[in-house]
Each structure stands twice: as structure tokens, then as C-alpha cells.
């Protein structure tokens, strides 16, 4: 039987603050605990919704092992106190894992296979390092440069900078502006609606007393944005991936810890429980690119998502372009002729951080709240993805 497609609506969206890894505010906080926090908080945004109607939770994670292993999605669902009838699946598309989770949840709604879903993402780069604790790459991956899977992400950024002629000066300027926009956004309270505070407990041995001292604190603001950075400081940083390169720690995304979650429902559920939608999920696209220039991925994914939505780029009012590196961000902006004023208006990953598999869910929360706050219609979340992919998702305020 052929089902008629129905709309999928986001009725709640939140995220934790983003902590710096590996020595930031969440250095000792488990990623599944961050996930539990946002699962509980996102439900609290829609108290009228019976959690028993939620059918599944799709959670993105780039390196699902150790503290974020064992199908973290289902484990967190149970620990968050959701009904045991709610399923859970952990998905991995590296940096697009969280956005892929949103797209999967929306597609289940749109096809009529589900009526209410949770989409989320969680990642601790403090506790689970990039590549995981015990990486084991197939030797075939290093035999052919064109496969590109063995390229470090920084080297792919260097290749994009060379091919698209993005200068070091332009990269540093872009990075400075990311920090400036993020600081301005924090001061203006732009992140308030989308952010859920997290209580953390730090425990340290007291050698004098022989006891363990513990101290509680509440984290409510993203940790990475710096008001004191400037072009002079950025210009002094050495390239970290190529001796004569232009990609530095200052013009790359910050390694980070965080989580985000959204509730996606059908129109039927929305009406039954008298819910007010934040946005409608419009379209999603993934496209592959040569792995050695993976940063250019959004260049292919954005037009595909626009075509699927029947929109043009000038109709998109807010673009969350994940700043994996300033080099690839500028290459995408220039290649697609994106309006810089619409790209990351309140800062991006260079200032705010990039907790890998969580980023797509986090930035989805950012865009749906921003559309409502500023009375805009269409927003987009897009990013490059390791091994050579780009992803893009479009949302509409309703």
C-alpha cells in the first residue's frame, strides 16, 4: 500500500552548552549523561505530550565506543526515564551524525511509519578521542591517495585552501569574526532559548584529609568563544598540519563536548496534544566528494537539498554552516555565492565548538529557535563530513 507523505514538525529542541575538550567544563562528564540531560529537557518543553506516543530515538555519534558505546541511544532512553516502549538507535555519519538522526526521524514521520520521534546527538571528545581509543584502519585505505580515507582532516583543509585559493589572512579574519559574532550573540541572549544548563560535579582527592572533595557547578554558556582574540594573536599561531600550510588551531573548529535533542511529530500528534510547532522539516541531502577535499562537501549537498525542497539559495534566511575549518567554510561560501550575512550570524564551530556527532542536532536547535526569534522563514544546517561527504537539511518556520 502506498502511503501519502505527511509533514514532520519539530515541536521541541534544546542542547547543552558546548564545552572545550579535553580540559573544559565537561572533561569528566560522560556523553551519555549529557544525552540524558537533553532527553529530559526536550520533553519538559512539551509537557502536554504523552511520552508514551514517542516510538523511537535516533542518536548521532561519531565514535560510538567506550562511554558513548553500547547503543548509547537506547541506554540513555532508559536512564532518562522515558517509557520502556521507546526504542533507540545510534547512527554514525561522522560530523553529520546528528543531522542524519534528525532526517531519519523526520522521514519516519513523513512516510507514516511513526507519529512521534526523538532525534539527538551526543559526543565527548574529552573522553573518547578522535578516531577512538583503538583505531584499526584497513591498509587498503593508505595505498591510493585518491581514496583519501587516510588523510587527516587538517590536510584535507590544506588541500581545499590551495585549490580554492583561500589565504591565511582570510582564514584568520573569518575566525576572528566567528568569535566576535558568538560573543555578541551571548551578550544579546541569542542562545538562551536553545540551551539547557548542565550541573557538573568535579571530584578531586584531598591528600591532607584522605577524602574525596567534590564541588558542584552549573554550566549554562558555551565555553569556547573568546572576547580577547585578535588578528595579531591568530597570526602568530603556527600551521599544525603542513609545515608551509595555512591551517592553524586558531582557524579550525574546536574539539568539544556536548549534546542536543529534538522532538519530531506528525500533524496528527501536534493537533491531538495541542502542540505549537517550532518548524517543519523540509528536506535533507547527502552527496559525496573526493575524500582528500572533504571540506567542500556542502558545495554539492546544499544544491541537492534546495532542489528537493523546491527552493533557491536566496530564499534561505539563516545558514548554519559548520566551521570545520575556515578554509573550507570560505571555499563553500565563495563557490556557492552564499550571503555572508546569512552564514552563522551568531558564530560557528571555530568559536562555539564542534562536538562531532552532536553538532547536527545542536545546530538544528540553533536554527529552529533563530527562525522564530527573528521571524524568518527558512533555515539550513550544513556541514562537510569525513571521508568525503557533505550534508544539508532545510527547516521552515511555521
Protein backbone atom coordinates (compact mmCIF):
# COMPACT_ATOMS: atom_id res chain seq x y z
CA UNK A 1 0.00 0.00 0.00
CA UNK A 2 1.37 3.40 -0.99
CA UNK A 3 1.38 5.95 1.82
CA UNK A 4 0.89 9.63 1.16
CA UNK A 5 3.75 11.66 2.56
CA UNK A 6 2.89 13.86 5.53
CA UNK A 7 4.75 16.74 7.10
CA UNK A 8 7.14 16.32 10.04
CA UNK A 9 7.25 19.09 12.64
CA UNK A 10 9.82 19.96 15.28
CA UNK A 11 7.92 20.80 18.46
CA UNK A 12 10.85 20.97 20.88
CA UNK A 13 14.60 21.47 20.53
CA UNK A 14 17.39 22.02 23.01
CA UNK A 15 21.07 21.47 23.56
CA UNK A 16 23.67 21.56 26.27
CA UNK A 17 26.28 24.30 26.36
CA UNK A 18 29.36 23.24 24.42
CA UNK A 19 32.47 22.51 26.48
CA UNK A 20 36.07 22.65 25.33
CA UNK A 21 37.91 19.34 25.07
CA UNK A 22 39.91 17.85 26.61
CA UNK A 23 40.26 20.15 29.63
CA UNK A 24 36.98 22.04 29.65
CA UNK A 25 33.87 22.09 31.80
CA UNK A 26 32.68 18.64 30.66
CA UNK A 27 36.07 16.93 30.83
CA UNK A 28 34.78 14.45 33.40
CA UNK A 29 31.15 14.34 32.27
CA UNK A 30 30.03 11.27 30.38
CA UNK A 31 28.44 11.89 26.97
CA UNK A 32 25.52 9.64 27.85
CA UNK A 33 24.88 11.85 30.88
CA UNK A 34 24.79 14.89 28.57
CA UNK A 35 22.39 12.98 26.35
CA UNK A 36 20.17 12.06 29.31
CA UNK A 37 20.05 15.73 30.28
CA UNK A 38 18.81 16.90 26.87
CA UNK A 39 16.36 14.00 26.52
CA UNK A 40 14.74 15.06 29.77
CA UNK A 41 14.90 18.76 28.93
CA UNK A 42 13.40 18.41 25.47
CA UNK A 43 10.42 16.55 26.94
CA UNK A 44 9.99 19.31 29.50
CA UNK A 45 9.49 21.79 26.64
CA UNK A 46 6.27 19.97 25.65
CA UNK A 47 4.67 18.94 28.97
CA UNK A 48 1.39 18.24 27.23
CA UNK A 49 2.89 15.48 25.07
CA UNK A 50 2.38 11.98 26.40
CA UNK A 51 5.89 10.39 26.16
CA UNK A 52 4.21 7.02 25.55
CA UNK A 53 3.47 8.11 21.96
CA UNK A 54 7.19 8.53 21.20
CA UNK A 55 8.23 5.47 19.24
CA UNK A 56 11.98 5.71 18.78
CA UNK A 57 15.06 7.81 19.50
CA UNK A 58 17.71 8.20 16.81
CA UNK A 59 21.00 9.50 18.22
CA UNK A 60 24.06 10.56 16.23
CA UNK A 61 27.60 9.87 17.46
CA UNK A 62 30.86 9.92 15.50
CA UNK A 63 32.83 7.48 17.65
CA UNK A 64 30.30 5.21 19.37
CA UNK A 65 32.58 3.35 21.77
CA UNK A 66 33.60 3.42 25.44
CA UNK A 67 31.46 5.95 27.35
CA UNK A 68 29.34 6.52 24.23
CA UNK A 69 29.13 2.90 23.13
CA UNK A 70 26.70 0.02 23.81
CA UNK A 71 23.96 1.64 21.70
CA UNK A 72 24.05 4.85 23.72
CA UNK A 73 20.64 5.85 22.30
CA UNK A 74 18.67 3.03 23.90
CA UNK A 75 20.69 3.15 27.12
CA UNK A 76 20.06 6.87 27.51
CA UNK A 77 16.35 6.48 26.75
CA UNK A 78 16.06 4.05 29.66
CA UNK A 79 18.21 6.12 32.03
CA UNK A 80 16.32 9.31 31.13
CA UNK A 81 13.10 7.75 32.39
CA UNK A 82 11.31 7.52 29.05
CA UNK A 83 8.78 4.71 28.70
CA UNK A 84 10.40 1.37 28.00
CA UNK A 85 8.35 1.22 24.81
CA UNK A 86 10.58 3.91 23.28
CA UNK A 87 13.30 2.37 21.12
CA UNK A 88 16.78 3.69 20.48
CA UNK A 89 19.35 3.52 17.68
CA UNK A 90 22.79 5.10 17.44
CA UNK A 91 23.84 6.25 13.95
CA UNK A 92 27.19 7.38 12.62
CA UNK A 93 27.86 9.69 9.70
CA UNK A 94 30.78 11.41 11.43
CA UNK A 95 30.16 15.17 11.59
CA UNK A 96 26.68 14.80 10.06
CA UNK A 97 25.55 12.13 12.53
CA UNK A 98 23.24 14.45 14.47
CA UNK A 99 21.69 15.93 11.32
CA UNK A 100 21.26 12.43 9.89
CA UNK A 101 19.42 11.48 13.08
CA UNK A 102 17.03 14.41 12.53
CA UNK A 103 16.50 13.38 8.90
CA UNK A 104 15.82 9.73 9.80
CA UNK A 105 13.32 10.75 12.48
CA UNK A 106 11.60 13.14 10.07
CA UNK A 107 11.47 10.52 7.32
CA UNK A 108 9.80 8.02 9.66
CA UNK A 109 7.14 10.65 10.33
CA UNK A 110 6.79 11.69 6.70
CA UNK A 111 6.23 8.13 5.49
CA UNK A 112 3.66 7.50 8.21
CA UNK A 113 5.70 4.72 9.84
CA UNK A 114 5.88 6.73 13.07
CA UNK A 115 3.99 9.62 14.63
CA UNK A 116 6.46 10.89 17.24
CA UNK A 117 10.24 10.54 17.33
CA UNK A 118 13.27 11.89 19.17
CA UNK A 119 16.34 12.95 17.18
CA UNK A 120 19.55 13.71 19.03
CA UNK A 121 23.33 13.69 19.03
CA UNK A 122 25.99 13.39 21.72
CA UNK A 123 29.78 13.38 21.71
CA UNK A 124 32.59 13.69 24.23
CA UNK A 125 35.91 14.47 22.61
CA UNK A 126 37.39 14.68 26.12
CA UNK A 127 36.66 11.06 26.97
CA UNK A 128 36.64 9.47 23.50
CA UNK A 129 39.39 10.83 21.24
CA UNK A 130 39.05 11.40 17.52
CA UNK A 131 39.49 8.01 15.79
CA UNK A 132 38.54 6.30 19.05
CA UNK A 133 40.79 4.56 21.55
CA UNK A 134 41.84 1.68 19.31
CA UNK A 135 41.61 2.73 15.63
CA UNK A 136 42.19 -0.02 13.10
CA UNK A 137 42.18 1.29 9.55
CA UNK A 138 42.13 -1.15 6.66
CA UNK A 139 45.58 -0.98 4.99
CA UNK A 140 43.90 -0.54 1.61
CA UNK A 141 42.94 2.96 2.70
CA UNK A 142 46.56 4.15 2.61
CA UNK A 143 47.56 2.60 -0.70
CA UNK A 144 45.90 5.12 -3.01
CA UNK A 145 45.91 8.87 -2.30
CA UNK A 146 42.66 9.25 -4.17
CA UNK A 147 40.87 7.08 -1.64
CA UNK A 148 41.68 9.80 0.84
CA UNK A 149 40.39 7.93 3.88
CA UNK A 150 43.84 8.08 5.44
CA UNK A 151 44.07 11.86 5.11
CA UNK A 152 43.98 13.76 8.34
CA UNK A 153 41.19 16.31 8.35
CA UNK A 154 43.72 19.13 8.62
CA UNK A 155 45.48 18.02 5.45
CA UNK A 156 42.19 17.98 3.56
CA UNK A 157 41.65 21.57 4.72
CA UNK A 158 45.09 22.49 3.41
CA UNK A 159 44.19 20.98 0.03
CA UNK A 160 40.95 22.98 -0.08
CA UNK A 161 42.82 26.17 0.84
CA UNK A 162 45.26 25.57 -2.01
CA UNK A 163 42.70 24.57 -4.62
CA UNK A 164 40.23 27.35 -3.79
CA UNK A 165 42.98 29.90 -3.11
CA UNK A 166 41.91 30.77 0.43
CA UNK A 167 44.67 32.82 2.05
CA UNK A 168 45.90 32.57 5.63
CA UNK A 169 44.82 36.18 6.20
CA UNK A 170 41.28 35.42 5.04
CA UNK A 171 41.11 32.33 7.26
CA UNK A 172 42.22 34.28 10.32
CA UNK A 173 39.78 37.11 9.60
CA UNK A 174 36.94 34.61 9.25
CA UNK A 175 37.93 33.03 12.56
CA UNK A 176 38.04 36.37 14.36
CA UNK A 177 34.56 37.18 13.09
CA UNK A 178 33.27 33.82 14.31
CA UNK A 179 34.40 34.70 17.84
CA UNK A 180 33.07 38.24 17.61
CA UNK A 181 29.64 37.07 16.45
CA UNK A 182 29.49 34.39 19.14
CA UNK A 183 30.39 36.84 21.92
CA UNK A 184 27.81 39.32 20.61
CA UNK A 185 25.22 36.54 20.48
CA UNK A 186 25.92 35.53 24.06
CA UNK A 187 25.65 39.11 25.29
CA UNK A 188 22.35 39.56 23.44
CA UNK A 189 20.90 36.34 24.88
CA UNK A 190 20.60 34.74 21.44
CA UNK A 191 21.37 31.24 22.76
CA UNK A 192 19.05 31.34 25.78
CA UNK A 193 16.03 29.58 24.27
CA UNK A 194 18.02 26.73 22.78
CA UNK A 195 20.33 25.96 25.71
CA UNK A 196 19.74 23.71 28.71
CA UNK A 197 22.07 24.24 31.67
CA UNK A 198 24.01 21.23 32.97
CA UNK A 199 25.10 20.60 36.55
CA UNK A 200 28.55 19.05 36.77
CA UNK A 201 30.35 17.52 39.73
CA UNK A 202 34.12 17.67 39.94
CA UNK A 203 35.80 15.26 42.36
CA UNK A 204 39.42 15.54 43.49
CA UNK A 205 41.45 13.66 46.07
CA UNK A 206 42.31 15.65 49.19
CA UNK A 207 45.72 14.38 50.28
CA UNK A 208 45.53 16.20 53.61
CA UNK A 209 42.23 14.67 54.70
CA UNK A 210 42.43 11.44 52.77
CA UNK A 211 38.94 12.11 51.41
CA UNK A 212 37.49 12.91 48.01
CA UNK A 213 36.39 16.52 47.71
CA UNK A 214 33.51 17.26 45.37
CA UNK A 215 32.26 20.55 44.01
CA UNK A 216 29.08 21.21 42.03
CA UNK A 217 28.76 23.88 39.39
CA UNK A 218 26.22 24.79 36.72
CA UNK A 219 27.30 25.21 33.10
CA UNK A 220 24.96 27.43 31.13
CA UNK A 221 27.14 29.14 28.48
CA UNK A 222 29.25 27.82 25.62
CA UNK A 223 32.86 27.76 26.73
CA UNK A 224 34.80 28.31 23.53
CA UNK A 225 34.05 31.85 22.39
CA UNK A 226 36.88 34.26 23.18
CA UNK A 227 36.43 38.00 23.56
CA UNK A 228 40.18 38.55 23.80
CA UNK A 229 41.27 37.06 20.48
CA UNK A 230 42.54 39.32 17.70
CA UNK A 231 44.22 39.11 14.32
CA UNK A 232 47.67 39.57 15.81
CA UNK A 233 47.21 36.61 18.14
CA UNK A 234 45.74 34.45 15.40
CA UNK A 235 48.54 35.41 13.05
CA UNK A 236 51.21 34.18 15.47
CA UNK A 237 49.85 30.62 15.51
CA UNK A 238 51.87 28.10 13.53
CA UNK A 239 50.36 25.75 10.97
CA UNK A 240 49.67 22.41 12.60
CA UNK A 241 49.11 20.09 9.65
CA UNK A 242 51.63 21.15 6.99
CA UNK A 243 54.95 22.89 7.57
CA UNK A 244 54.24 25.58 4.99
CA UNK A 245 50.49 25.45 5.32
CA UNK A 246 47.87 27.96 6.45
CA UNK A 247 45.58 25.89 8.68
CA UNK A 248 46.15 26.54 12.38
CA UNK A 249 44.45 25.71 15.65
CA UNK A 250 43.03 29.23 15.59
CA UNK A 251 41.26 28.90 12.24
CA UNK A 252 39.98 25.37 12.84
CA UNK A 253 36.97 24.17 14.81
CA UNK A 254 37.47 23.49 18.49
CA UNK A 255 37.37 19.94 19.83
CA UNK A 256 34.35 19.86 22.09
CA UNK A 257 31.82 18.03 24.25
CA UNK A 258 28.04 18.43 24.02
CA UNK A 259 24.62 17.05 23.16
CA UNK A 260 21.39 18.16 21.53
CA UNK A 261 17.88 16.75 21.08
CA UNK A 262 14.68 17.49 19.16
CA UNK A 263 11.17 16.03 19.21
CA UNK A 264 9.67 15.44 15.77
CA UNK A 265 5.98 14.67 15.33
CA UNK A 266 3.22 14.35 12.76
CA UNK A 267 0.43 16.86 12.32
CA UNK A 268 -1.92 14.36 13.92
CA UNK A 269 0.13 14.27 17.14
CA UNK A 270 0.58 18.01 17.08
CA UNK A 271 -3.19 18.56 16.97
CA UNK A 272 -4.04 15.79 19.43
CA UNK A 273 -1.78 17.26 22.12
CA UNK A 274 -2.27 20.91 21.14
CA UNK A 275 1.44 21.46 20.43
CA UNK A 276 2.93 24.58 18.86
CA UNK A 277 5.50 23.74 16.18
CA UNK A 278 8.89 25.40 16.07
CA UNK A 279 9.49 24.41 12.46
CA UNK A 280 8.69 21.99 9.67
CA UNK A 281 11.44 19.70 8.40
CA UNK A 282 11.62 20.40 4.67
CA UNK A 283 14.41 18.39 3.03
CA UNK A 284 17.73 16.63 3.52
CA UNK A 285 20.52 15.68 1.13
CA UNK A 286 23.90 13.94 1.28
CA UNK A 287 26.44 13.97 -1.52
CA UNK A 288 29.93 12.52 -1.82
CA UNK A 289 33.05 14.40 -2.90
CA UNK A 290 36.70 13.38 -3.29
CA UNK A 291 37.82 12.47 0.24
CA UNK A 292 41.03 14.48 0.02
CA UNK A 293 38.95 17.67 -0.32
CA UNK A 294 36.16 16.57 2.01
CA UNK A 295 35.64 20.14 3.30
CA UNK A 296 33.95 21.16 0.07
CA UNK A 297 31.12 18.69 0.67
CA UNK A 298 28.39 21.29 1.36
CA UNK A 299 29.01 22.67 -2.14
CA UNK A 300 27.28 19.56 -3.50
CA UNK A 301 24.80 18.86 -0.69
CA UNK A 302 23.30 22.36 -0.49
CA UNK A 303 22.06 22.48 -4.13
CA UNK A 304 20.65 18.96 -3.73
CA UNK A 305 18.71 19.88 -0.59
CA UNK A 306 17.44 23.06 -2.26
CA UNK A 307 16.28 21.15 -5.33
CA UNK A 308 14.44 18.62 -3.18
CA UNK A 309 12.72 21.47 -1.33
CA UNK A 310 11.90 23.42 -4.49
CA UNK A 311 13.79 26.42 -3.16
CA UNK A 312 16.63 28.68 -4.27
CA UNK A 313 19.53 29.76 -2.09
CA UNK A 314 18.27 33.35 -1.88
CA UNK A 315 15.15 32.05 -0.08
CA UNK A 316 17.24 30.67 2.79
CA UNK A 317 17.31 33.26 5.56
CA UNK A 318 19.71 31.61 8.05
CA UNK A 319 22.55 29.20 7.25
CA UNK A 320 24.31 27.18 9.94
CA UNK A 321 27.44 26.18 8.01
CA UNK A 322 29.59 24.09 10.32
CA UNK A 323 33.01 25.71 10.52
CA UNK A 324 35.17 22.61 10.48
CA UNK A 325 37.92 24.86 9.13
CA UNK A 326 37.88 28.47 7.99
CA UNK A 327 39.44 27.32 4.71
CA UNK A 328 36.60 25.01 3.73
CA UNK A 329 33.91 27.37 5.04
CA UNK A 330 35.21 30.21 2.87
CA UNK A 331 35.58 27.90 -0.12
CA UNK A 332 31.93 26.83 0.17
CA UNK A 333 30.69 30.39 0.74
CA UNK A 334 32.56 31.68 -2.30
CA UNK A 335 31.81 28.74 -4.58
CA UNK A 336 28.05 28.88 -3.94
CA UNK A 337 27.98 32.68 -3.61
CA UNK A 338 26.35 32.46 -0.18
CA UNK A 339 25.41 35.72 1.51
CA UNK A 340 27.98 36.08 4.35
CA UNK A 341 25.41 37.96 6.44
CA UNK A 342 23.21 34.84 6.49
CA UNK A 343 26.01 32.42 7.37
CA UNK A 344 26.47 31.72 11.09
CA UNK A 345 25.05 35.07 12.26
CA UNK A 346 25.85 34.23 15.89
CA UNK A 347 29.13 32.43 15.34
CA UNK A 348 30.18 28.96 14.29
CA UNK A 349 32.29 26.00 15.33
CA UNK A 350 35.57 27.92 15.32
CA UNK A 351 34.25 29.91 18.29
CA UNK A 352 31.47 27.74 19.68
CA UNK A 353 32.98 24.29 19.18
CA UNK A 354 32.24 21.14 17.20
CA UNK A 355 31.36 18.03 19.23
CA UNK A 356 31.38 15.92 16.07
CA UNK A 357 28.31 13.64 16.06
CA UNK A 358 26.32 16.04 18.24
CA UNK A 359 26.83 19.10 16.04
CA UNK A 360 23.99 18.42 13.60
CA UNK A 361 21.42 18.17 16.40
CA UNK A 362 22.91 21.16 18.22
CA UNK A 363 22.87 23.39 15.17
CA UNK A 364 19.36 22.22 14.27
CA UNK A 365 18.25 23.51 17.68
CA UNK A 366 20.04 26.77 16.91
CA UNK A 367 18.35 27.30 13.57
CA UNK A 368 14.76 26.45 14.57
CA UNK A 369 14.91 28.81 17.54
CA UNK A 370 16.62 31.52 15.48
CA UNK A 371 13.91 31.41 12.81
CA UNK A 372 11.22 32.03 15.41
CA UNK A 373 13.18 34.62 17.34
CA UNK A 374 13.91 36.70 14.26
CA UNK A 375 10.68 35.96 12.39
CA UNK A 376 12.47 34.33 9.45
CA UNK A 377 11.08 31.59 7.23
CA UNK A 378 13.75 29.15 6.00
CA UNK A 379 16.92 27.94 7.69
CA UNK A 380 19.59 25.43 6.78
CA UNK A 381 22.10 23.27 8.62
CA UNK A 382 25.01 22.02 6.54
CA UNK A 383 28.44 20.53 7.06
CA UNK A 384 31.31 18.69 5.46
CA UNK A 385 31.84 15.09 6.54
CA UNK A 386 34.96 12.95 6.93
CA UNK A 387 35.85 10.52 4.10
CA UNK A 388 34.39 12.98 1.60
CA UNK A 389 30.73 13.90 2.04
CA UNK A 390 28.52 16.90 2.52
CA UNK A 391 25.10 17.04 4.20
CA UNK A 392 22.40 19.70 4.31
CA UNK A 393 18.99 19.93 5.93
CA UNK A 394 16.35 22.64 5.49
CA UNK A 395 13.79 23.83 8.06
CA UNK A 396 10.78 26.14 7.71
CA UNK A 397 9.27 28.23 10.47
CA UNK A 398 5.52 27.64 10.66
